[in-house]
Amino acid sequence: MVEKLGTGPADYTPELNNDLVAEGDSVEGEVVTGATHSAEAFKTCAQQLVDAAK
């Protein structure tokens, strides 16, 4: 993924995690360029975790 898109899980996962923590129960953080599918999957899982926590 890094070779083709210039980004990989080690790059975008911390950014997605930080966005989730900063936004609280909103998982509408920006999609990471080059990791659209992964970012959308992260948002889906994060929303399920937030809902379960409530």
N, C-alpha and C. Protein backbone atom coordinates (compact mmCIF):
# COMPACT_ATOMS: atom_id res chain seq x y z
N MET A 1 0.82 -1.18 0.00
CA MET A 1 0.00 0.00 0.00
C MET A 1 0.87 1.25 0.00
N VAL A 2 1.90 1.25 0.78
CA VAL A 2 2.79 2.41 0.85
C VAL A 2 3.43 2.67 -0.51
N GLU A 3 3.87 1.61 -1.17
CA GLU A 3 4.53 1.77 -2.47
C GLU A 3 3.60 2.36 -3.52
N LYS A 4 2.33 1.95 -3.51
CA LYS A 4 1.39 2.41 -4.54
C LYS A 4 0.68 3.71 -4.18
N LEU A 5 0.36 3.89 -2.89
CA LEU A 5 -0.45 5.04 -2.49
C LEU A 5 0.31 6.08 -1.68
N GLY A 6 1.48 5.72 -1.20
CA GLY A 6 2.26 6.66 -0.42
C GLY A 6 1.85 6.74 1.04
N THR A 7 0.96 5.88 1.44
CA THR A 7 0.54 5.83 2.84
C THR A 7 0.22 4.39 3.21
N GLY A 8 0.22 4.12 4.49
CA GLY A 8 -0.09 2.77 4.96
C GLY A 8 -0.69 2.84 6.34
N PRO A 9 -1.09 1.70 6.89
CA PRO A 9 -1.73 1.68 8.20
C PRO A 9 -0.91 2.36 9.29
N ALA A 10 0.38 2.24 9.24
CA ALA A 10 1.21 2.88 10.27
C ALA A 10 1.13 4.40 10.18
N ASP A 11 0.79 4.90 9.01
CA ASP A 11 0.67 6.35 8.81
C ASP A 11 -0.71 6.87 9.18
N TYR A 12 -1.76 6.21 8.67
CA TYR A 12 -3.09 6.77 8.84
C TYR A 12 -3.81 6.34 10.11
N THR A 13 -3.47 5.20 10.69
CA THR A 13 -4.18 4.75 11.90
C THR A 13 -4.02 5.72 13.06
N PRO A 14 -2.82 6.20 13.37
CA PRO A 14 -2.71 7.19 14.47
C PRO A 14 -3.52 8.46 14.19
N GLU A 15 -3.54 8.89 12.94
CA GLU A 15 -4.31 10.09 12.59
C GLU A 15 -5.81 9.86 12.80
N LEU A 16 -6.30 8.70 12.39
CA LEU A 16 -7.71 8.37 12.60
C LEU A 16 -8.04 8.26 14.09
N ASN A 17 -7.15 7.63 14.85
CA ASN A 17 -7.36 7.52 16.30
C ASN A 17 -7.41 8.89 16.96
N ASN A 18 -6.48 9.76 16.58
CA ASN A 18 -6.45 11.11 17.16
C ASN A 18 -7.72 11.88 16.83
N ASP A 19 -8.21 11.75 15.59
CA ASP A 19 -9.44 12.42 15.21
C ASP A 19 -10.62 11.93 16.04
N LEU A 20 -10.69 10.62 16.25
CA LEU A 20 -11.79 10.06 17.04
C LEU A 20 -11.75 10.57 18.47
N VAL A 21 -10.58 10.58 19.08
CA VAL A 21 -10.45 11.06 20.46
C VAL A 21 -10.79 12.55 20.54
N ALA A 22 -10.32 13.32 19.59
CA ALA A 22 -10.55 14.76 19.60
C ALA A 22 -12.02 15.11 19.41
N GLU A 23 -12.74 14.30 18.63
CA GLU A 23 -14.13 14.60 18.32
C GLU A 23 -15.12 13.93 19.27
N GLY A 24 -14.64 13.16 20.20
CA GLY A 24 -15.54 12.51 21.15
C GLY A 24 -16.38 11.45 20.48
N ASP A 25 -17.71 11.59 20.59
CA ASP A 25 -18.56 10.53 20.05
C ASP A 25 -18.91 10.72 18.58
N SER A 26 -18.28 11.69 17.95
CA SER A 26 -18.48 11.90 16.51
C SER A 26 -17.35 11.22 15.77
N VAL A 27 -17.69 10.43 14.80
CA VAL A 27 -16.65 9.75 14.02
C VAL A 27 -16.64 10.27 12.58
N GLU A 28 -16.92 11.54 12.45
CA GLU A 28 -16.98 12.15 11.13
C GLU A 28 -15.66 12.77 10.70
N GLY A 29 -14.56 12.33 11.28
CA GLY A 29 -13.26 12.88 10.94
C GLY A 29 -12.97 12.80 9.45
N GLU A 30 -12.01 13.57 9.01
CA GLU A 30 -11.69 13.60 7.60
C GLU A 30 -11.09 12.28 7.15
N VAL A 31 -11.36 11.94 5.92
CA VAL A 31 -10.80 10.74 5.32
C VAL A 31 -9.34 11.02 4.98
N VAL A 32 -8.49 10.06 5.24
CA VAL A 32 -7.06 10.21 4.98
C VAL A 32 -6.82 9.96 3.50
N THR A 33 -6.16 10.89 2.84
CA THR A 33 -5.87 10.75 1.41
C THR A 33 -5.07 9.48 1.16
N GLY A 34 -5.53 8.69 0.22
CA GLY A 34 -4.86 7.44 -0.13
C GLY A 34 -5.34 6.26 0.68
N ALA A 35 -6.19 6.50 1.66
CA ALA A 35 -6.68 5.41 2.50
C ALA A 35 -8.20 5.53 2.69
N THR A 36 -8.90 5.90 1.62
CA THR A 36 -10.33 6.15 1.70
C THR A 36 -11.09 4.95 2.23
N HIS A 37 -10.86 3.78 1.65
CA HIS A 37 -11.58 2.58 2.08
C HIS A 37 -11.25 2.24 3.54
N SER A 38 -9.99 2.31 3.89
CA SER A 38 -9.58 2.01 5.26
C SER A 38 -10.16 3.01 6.25
N ALA A 39 -10.18 4.28 5.87
CA ALA A 39 -10.74 5.31 6.75
C ALA A 39 -12.24 5.10 6.95
N GLU A 40 -12.94 4.74 5.89
CA GLU A 40 -14.38 4.49 6.01
C GLU A 40 -14.64 3.26 6.88
N ALA A 41 -13.84 2.24 6.74
CA ALA A 41 -13.98 1.04 7.59
C ALA A 41 -13.69 1.40 9.05
N PHE A 42 -12.69 2.23 9.29
CA PHE A 42 -12.38 2.67 10.64
C PHE A 42 -13.56 3.41 11.24
N LYS A 43 -14.16 4.32 10.45
CA LYS A 43 -15.30 5.10 10.95
C LYS A 43 -16.47 4.20 11.30
N THR A 44 -16.71 3.18 10.49
CA THR A 44 -17.80 2.24 10.77
C THR A 44 -17.55 1.51 12.09
N CYS A 45 -16.34 1.01 12.26
CA CYS A 45 -16.00 0.29 13.51
C CYS A 45 -16.03 1.24 14.71
N ALA A 46 -15.53 2.45 14.53
CA ALA A 46 -15.52 3.41 15.62
C ALA A 46 -16.94 3.76 16.04
N GLN A 47 -17.85 3.92 15.07
CA GLN A 47 -19.22 4.23 15.40
C GLN A 47 -19.87 3.10 16.17
N GLN A 48 -19.58 1.87 15.80
CA GLN A 48 -20.11 0.72 16.53
C GLN A 48 -19.59 0.70 17.96
N LEU A 49 -18.33 1.05 18.16
CA LEU A 49 -17.76 1.11 19.52
C LEU A 49 -18.41 2.21 20.34
N VAL A 50 -18.60 3.38 19.73
CA VAL A 50 -19.24 4.49 20.44
C VAL A 50 -20.66 4.10 20.83
N ASP A 51 -21.40 3.51 19.90
CA ASP A 51 -22.78 3.10 20.18
C ASP A 51 -22.84 2.06 21.29
N ALA A 52 -21.92 1.12 21.27
CA ALA A 52 -21.89 0.08 22.30
C ALA A 52 -21.54 0.66 23.67
N ALA A 53 -20.70 1.67 23.68
CA ALA A 53 -20.31 2.31 24.94
C ALA A 53 -21.46 3.08 25.58
N LYS A 54 -22.37 3.56 24.75
CA LYS A 54 -23.51 4.32 25.26
C LYS A 54 -24.47 3.37 25.91
